[in-house]
Amino acid sequence: MEKQKDKSYFNNLISYRGITLIALVVTIIVLLILAGVTIAMLTSENGILAQAQKAKEKTEEAEKDEMKDIAILEEMIDGKGTDIEEVTDKNPGVLELEDDTYVINSIEDLVAFASNVTGGETYEEKTVKLGFSLDFNSVKSYVNPYRTDYGQYGYNGKLKEVLTSRDGFIPIGTNTNAVGYEGKSFHGIFDGNGKIIKNLYINQKMEDNEKDLVSGLFGYNYGTIKKLGIENCNNNGSLITSGMNTCLLGGIVGKNCKDIEECFVSGNVACMCNAKARCGGICATSDSNTNIINCYNLTSINCTGGEQVNVAGGIAGNTLGKLYNCFNNGRVLMISQHNDKADSSYVGGIVGWVKGGEIKNCYNLNTVEFNIDSNLGIFCCGCICGHLDSGDLSNCFNKGDIHQLSLNCEINYIGLILGLAVYGTVNDCSSLNFDKYKTHTSGVGVQIGNVTKCDESNLPNIINILGEKFKFVSNDYPVLSWQVENN
């Protein structure tokens, strides 16, 4: 009886515990279901957390838009940015592809494009074009001028602030001649599309005993750059070295290895190097088999060099290729201190040094200045060309003058058309005030024909020399035809 009692009690206990266990399991399951629902409510695509994040992003976007609207209003009050169209770029930092052409629609796109090239995307056999004119000083040219997530491109801080101060814009492609630089340079077609880049600011400083500093909107160019204007370019470069390195600065390109067509630059280009300095409005130097055609320069060139060969020119510092239908209306200043080193400096209104190249149908309108201290060196200065080492110069004209700030150099050649010609031909060239500085020649390899002085009455019209790609809109100087058409 007692055993039956115990057994019954035991069975009841098991039953009770079973019910309790089942209830516990059910409770746990319910809690898990509720927890799952709660987690889903929190973490799903339309969950509370996602909705909160979206609300936060909308608030930040609204704050960003409000800040940008206020900045645009301030620009309008200050009279800035009024001639710049506000960009519409749905995917900033990614170039849109339209009919096999990559399109730059914002400064964010331009920054990403520059980084792509430096990273090894050469765009060979591809076309990249500007979809908008861009102004680095205007918030209209940015999707978000206050963004701070572009450290991957080398800009740490608020994007607009960094681009317009400190080091400024990082050139498109590599800016040194380190190993593999050609594969990190532009090889495609860059179509400016008749657009203008405004207020480009570059401030590159380097100390290196092995590498060159190469800087412009592009560092090196192995492609074609066309129909592009840069207004108020401020390109400053400094290279300190104990080697024989070169600082190469140009408004559009540091070193040109292909073609530049229908482009112009205004602003300032200033190069300083204690070794070799090369500086030009369009490019610092242009290789053989290159073409610079239908371009003009309005930048002030300031080239300060040390104890090596220094070169400066309004269009190009030096060229081994063709330079046709170009004019310069920017002051070119050469400062060189060789001291007792036997090296040379060449400066020209169009080009400083020509070696194997051809200069044709060019016009200089501005002043060439120099401050030279080089007891044992050679100095060559001309309002068209400083030193024609070899090549051809034809149908070129000069209205500018030469200002001698200081000259301490026993061997110097100064001419209002060219300083020194060693080998080649010089034909059909004229200058105002020709008797002031005459053309010099050296050696038996130079042929000179119809190089004369003229006055304002018989100096050819600049448009007749430059050709159909240029038009007058004022009495100061002509502009490119695409500038007239786009306005």
Foldseek 3Di string as FASTA:
>chain_A
DVVVVVVVVVVVVCVVVVVVVVVVVVVVVVVVVVVVVVVCLCDPCPHPVNVVVVVVVVVVVVVQVVVQVVQQVVCVVVVHPPPFAQFDDPDFLAFDADPQETEHGAVSVLLNQLQVLQVQPQCAAGEYEYPTAAELQHSSRHPGQQDQPCVVSVFHGRNSVSLLDDQHGDARADFKPPPPRVSSFHAEEYEHVLHEYENGEGAEEEEDAPIAGADENHREHNYEYENYEYEAHHAEYEYEYPHQYEYADEHHYREYEAEYYQYEYAHEHEYAYQHEYFYEHHYREYEAHYEYANYEYAYAYHIEYHQAEYFYEHHYREYQEEYALYEYDYEYEYEYANAAHAHEYFYEHHYGEYDNYEYFLYEYEEEYEYADHYARYEYFYEHHYGEDAEYEYEQYEYEYYYYYPHDNYPHYFYFHHYGEYEAYEYEHYEYEPRVVHDHYYDDDRYYYYNYYYDDPVPDDDSCVSNDDQWDDPDPPDIHGPSNVVVD
